Amino acid sequence: MIDNHHQPRITVMIAFHDPSALSPKRRVLCSSLNAQRIAARMVDDGTDCVSIVRTGNPLQPLRIVAECVDGADVELEMRLA
């Protein structure tokens, strides 16, 4: 009898380098327009400063940060007036 409980499990991770390989919904969620919409909503809700930062990750190309960030990766910064 073969004992299957001790066999290693192999997981394959696929790196997406081509944005066209992403699903249409993922492309919308990863878009700059969507990031700006979310950042504007955060400012409308009272967040003092929101930064949109490029990550270099194709699955999450932009990150919205609830603070002012300095650096070359900042795409947009919104402040509460």
C-alpha atoms as a PDB file:
ATOM      1  CA  MET A   1       0.000   0.000   0.000  1.00  0.00           C
ATOM      2  CA  ILE A   2       1.312   3.447  -0.949  1.00  0.00           C
ATOM      3  CA  ASP A   3       1.149   6.147   1.688  1.00  0.00           C
ATOM      4  CA  ASN A   4      -0.041   9.339  -0.082  1.00  0.00           C
ATOM      5  CA  HIS A   5       0.134  11.472   3.047  1.00  0.00           C
ATOM      6  CA  HIS A   6       3.875  12.096   2.749  1.00  0.00           C
ATOM      7  CA  GLN A   7       4.046  13.236  -0.865  1.00  0.00           C
ATOM      8  CA  PRO A   8       4.915  16.909  -1.298  1.00  0.00           C
ATOM      9  CA  ARG A   9       2.290  19.173  -2.796  1.00  0.00           C
ATOM     10  CA  ILE A  10       3.518  21.249  -5.729  1.00  0.00           C
ATOM     11  CA  THR A  11       1.947  24.619  -6.416  1.00  0.00           C
ATOM     12  CA  VAL A  12       2.570  26.413  -9.684  1.00  0.00           C
ATOM     13  CA  MET A  13       2.456  30.207  -9.664  1.00  0.00           C
ATOM     14  CA  ILE A  14       2.063  32.048 -12.965  1.00  0.00           C
ATOM     15  CA  ALA A  15       3.517  35.532 -13.352  1.00  0.00           C
ATOM     16  CA  PHE A  16       1.382  37.802 -15.514  1.00  0.00           C
ATOM     17  CA  HIS A  17       3.553  40.149 -17.544  1.00  0.00           C
ATOM     18  CA  ASP A  18       1.001  40.861 -20.246  1.00  0.00           C
ATOM     19  CA  PRO A  19      -1.961  43.016 -19.092  1.00  0.00           C
ATOM     20  CA  SER A  20      -4.060  41.605 -21.926  1.00  0.00           C
ATOM     21  CA  ALA A  21      -3.778  38.195 -20.230  1.00  0.00           C
ATOM     22  CA  LEU A  22      -5.798  39.535 -17.292  1.00  0.00           C
ATOM     23  CA  SER A  23      -9.557  39.164 -17.138  1.00  0.00           C
ATOM     24  CA  PRO A  24     -11.644  42.183 -18.192  1.00  0.00           C
ATOM     25  CA  LYS A  25     -12.819  42.684 -14.598  1.00  0.00           C
ATOM     26  CA  ARG A  26      -9.225  42.615 -13.276  1.00  0.00           C
ATOM     27  CA  ARG A  27      -8.184  45.186 -15.916  1.00  0.00           C
ATOM     28  CA  VAL A  28     -10.967  47.525 -14.729  1.00  0.00           C
ATOM     29  CA  LEU A  29     -10.056  47.039 -11.068  1.00  0.00           C
ATOM     30  CA  CYS A  30      -6.340  47.632 -11.808  1.00  0.00           C
ATOM     31  CA  SER A  31      -6.959  50.761 -13.865  1.00  0.00           C
ATOM     32  CA  SER A  32      -5.732  54.222 -13.001  1.00  0.00           C
ATOM     33  CA  LEU A  33      -9.293  55.519 -13.342  1.00  0.00           C
ATOM     34  CA  ASN A  34     -10.529  53.084 -10.694  1.00  0.00           C
ATOM     35  CA  ALA A  35      -7.681  54.028  -8.337  1.00  0.00           C
ATOM     36  CA  GLN A  36      -8.558  57.724  -8.749  1.00  0.00           C
ATOM     37  CA  ARG A  37     -12.227  56.985  -8.063  1.00  0.00           C
ATOM     38  CA  ILE A  38     -11.393  55.141  -4.836  1.00  0.00           C
ATOM     39  CA  ALA A  39      -8.926  57.831  -3.713  1.00  0.00           C
ATOM     40  CA  ALA A  40     -11.544  60.555  -4.346  1.00  0.00           C
ATOM     41  CA  ARG A  41     -14.071  58.606  -2.302  1.00  0.00           C
ATOM     42  CA  MET A  42     -11.558  58.327   0.560  1.00  0.00           C
ATOM     43  CA  VAL A  43     -10.984  62.106   0.486  1.00  0.00           C
ATOM     44  CA  ASP A  44     -14.753  62.715   0.372  1.00  0.00           C
ATOM     45  CA  ASP A  45     -15.046  60.499   3.472  1.00  0.00           C
ATOM     46  CA  GLY A  46     -12.567  62.734   5.331  1.00  0.00           C
ATOM     47  CA  THR A  47      -9.110  61.249   4.760  1.00  0.00           C
ATOM     48  CA  ASP A  48      -6.659  64.191   4.865  1.00  0.00           C
ATOM     49  CA  CYS A  49      -4.271  62.947   2.195  1.00  0.00           C
ATOM     50  CA  VAL A  50      -4.399  60.007  -0.223  1.00  0.00           C
ATOM     51  CA  SER A  51      -1.584  58.900  -2.536  1.00  0.00           C
ATOM     52  CA  ILE A  52      -1.796  56.560  -5.511  1.00  0.00           C
ATOM     53  CA  VAL A  53       1.514  54.709  -5.782  1.00  0.00           C
ATOM     54  CA  ARG A  54       2.785  52.525  -8.647  1.00  0.00           C
ATOM     55  CA  THR A  55       3.885  49.087  -7.369  1.00  0.00           C
ATOM     56  CA  GLY A  56       5.420  47.402 -10.418  1.00  0.00           C
ATOM     57  CA  ASN A  57       3.219  44.352  -9.771  1.00  0.00           C
ATOM     58  CA  PRO A  58       0.984  43.537 -12.782  1.00  0.00           C
ATOM     59  CA  LEU A  59      -1.729  42.089 -10.534  1.00  0.00           C
ATOM     60  CA  GLN A  60      -1.779  45.234  -8.371  1.00  0.00           C
ATOM     61  CA  PRO A  61      -0.127  47.959 -10.430  1.00  0.00           C
ATOM     62  CA  LEU A  62      -1.418  50.769  -8.189  1.00  0.00           C
ATOM     63  CA  ARG A  63      -1.812  50.984  -4.432  1.00  0.00           C
ATOM     64  CA  ILE A  64      -3.912  53.592  -2.656  1.00  0.00           C
ATOM     65  CA  VAL A  65      -2.257  54.811   0.546  1.00  0.00           C
ATOM     66  CA  ALA A  66      -4.101  56.905   3.154  1.00  0.00           C
ATOM     67  CA  GLU A  67      -1.169  59.294   3.687  1.00  0.00           C
ATOM     68  CA  CYS A  68       1.090  61.633   1.762  1.00  0.00           C
ATOM     69  CA  VAL A  69       3.969  59.742   0.174  1.00  0.00           C
ATOM     70  CA  ASP A  70       7.107  61.234  -1.364  1.00  0.00           C
ATOM     71  CA  GLY A  71       8.875  59.458  -4.200  1.00  0.00           C
ATOM     72  CA  ALA A  72       9.121  58.773  -7.877  1.00  0.00           C
ATOM     73  CA  ASP A  73       6.468  56.037  -7.720  1.00  0.00           C
ATOM     74  CA  VAL A  74       3.666  58.410  -6.693  1.00  0.00           C
ATOM     75  CA  GLU A  75       1.225  58.746  -9.586  1.00  0.00           C
ATOM     76  CA  LEU A  76      -1.256  61.081  -7.888  1.00  0.00           C
ATOM     77  CA  GLU A  77      -1.767  62.752  -4.523  1.00  0.00           C
ATOM     78  CA  MET A  78      -5.088  64.132  -3.262  1.00  0.00           C
ATOM     79  CA  ARG A  79      -5.458  66.379  -0.232  1.00  0.00           C
ATOM     80  CA  LEU A  80      -8.508  67.469   1.690  1.00  0.00           C
ATOM     81  CA  ALA A  81      -9.045  71.177   1.009  1.00  0.00           C
END
